[in-house]
Protein backbone atom coordinates (compact mmCIF):
# COMPACT_ATOMS: atom_id res chain seq x y z
CA MET A 1 15.30 -3.62 9.18
CA ALA A 2 12.62 -1.77 10.82
CA LYS A 3 11.50 -0.32 7.55
CA ASP A 4 11.06 -3.79 5.98
CA ASN A 5 9.17 -5.32 9.38
CA LYS A 6 7.13 -1.88 8.48
CA ALA A 7 6.53 -2.60 5.08
CA GLY A 8 5.60 -6.41 6.01
CA MET A 9 2.75 -5.21 8.61
CA ILE A 10 1.26 -2.92 6.17
CA LEU A 11 1.36 -5.67 3.32
CA ALA A 12 -0.14 -7.99 5.92
CA PHE A 13 -2.57 -5.64 6.99
CA LEU A 14 -3.93 -4.96 3.25
CA ILE A 15 -3.76 -8.59 2.42
CA GLY A 16 -6.00 -9.47 5.86
CA THR A 17 -8.31 -6.77 5.05
CA GLY A 18 -8.91 -8.30 1.25
CA ILE A 19 -9.51 -11.47 2.89
CA GLY A 20 -11.77 -10.15 5.36
CA ALA A 21 -13.57 -8.38 2.80
CA ALA A 22 -13.77 -11.42 0.79
CA ALA A 23 -15.38 -13.17 3.38
CA VAL A 24 -17.77 -10.75 4.59
CA LEU A 25 -19.30 -10.96 0.83
CA LEU A 26 -19.24 -14.79 0.05
CA PHE A 27 -21.24 -15.32 3.75
CA ALA A 28 -23.32 -12.51 3.04
CA PRO A 29 -26.58 -13.51 1.71
CA GLN A 30 -27.08 -12.96 -1.80
CA ALA A 31 -27.95 -13.54 -5.74
CA GLY A 32 -25.06 -14.90 -7.72
CA GLY A 33 -24.60 -12.27 -9.86
CA GLU A 34 -24.85 -9.48 -6.77
CA LEU A 35 -22.57 -11.16 -5.20
CA ARG A 36 -20.43 -11.20 -8.31
CA GLU A 37 -20.80 -7.61 -8.61
CA ASN A 38 -19.80 -7.02 -4.98
CA VAL A 39 -16.72 -8.90 -5.37
CA THR A 40 -15.49 -7.25 -8.28
CA ASP A 41 -16.12 -3.78 -6.70
CA ALA A 42 -14.22 -4.88 -3.74
CA ILE A 43 -11.39 -6.28 -5.81
CA GLY A 44 -11.30 -3.32 -7.65
CA ASP A 45 -11.58 -0.87 -4.38
CA SER A 46 -8.73 -2.72 -3.30
CA VAL A 47 -6.58 -2.29 -6.28
CA ARG A 48 -7.02 1.31 -6.45
CA ARG A 49 -6.30 1.25 -2.74
CA SER A 50 -2.97 -0.60 -3.11
CA GLN A 51 -2.10 1.73 -6.16
CA LYS A 52 -2.33 4.87 -3.84
CA PHE A 53 -0.01 3.30 -1.37
CA VAL A 54 2.33 2.31 -3.79
CA GLU A 55 2.42 5.75 -5.17
CA THR A 56 2.41 7.46 -1.70
CA ALA A 57 5.30 5.07 -0.67
CA LYS A 58 7.03 6.28 -4.17
CA GLU A 59 6.83 9.56 -3.52
CA GLN A 60 8.03 9.43 0.16
CA LEU A 61 10.95 7.18 -0.74
CA GLN A 62 11.49 9.81 -3.46
CA ASP A 63 11.58 12.79 -1.02
CA ALA A 64 14.02 10.73 1.47
CA VAL A 65 16.15 9.87 -1.35
CA ASP A 66 16.42 13.60 -2.59
CA GLN A 67 17.18 14.58 1.39
CA GLY A 68 20.01 12.47 1.53
CA THR A 69 21.43 13.50 -1.32
CA ASP A 70 20.72 17.30 -0.26
CA ALA A 71 22.70 16.13 3.12
CA TYR A 72 25.41 14.49 1.02
CA LYS A 73 26.38 17.26 -0.88
CA GLN A 74 26.27 19.86 1.62
CA ALA A 75 28.60 17.35 3.82
CA LYS A 76 30.79 17.22 0.83
CA LYS A 77 30.92 20.80 0.36
CA ALA A 78 31.45 22.03 3.88
CA GLY A 79 34.12 19.24 4.22
CA ALA A 80 35.88 20.17 0.93
């Protein structure tokens, strides 16, 4: 349950960061082409950060699964 809350908080933070970045870009005085380029760059950066976050989370989850599997096997072996 705590992990679900943590994941939700991280997701909310990422969404909030994206919205804040978009707001800054939209309210900054820039030419239309420059604004579109900046928005595109910001979206690309957000996508890359999100992909990196997901990859890190997958690695951490796999490590936890591996540790749990090892602990289960050791406990089963000790009990057998």
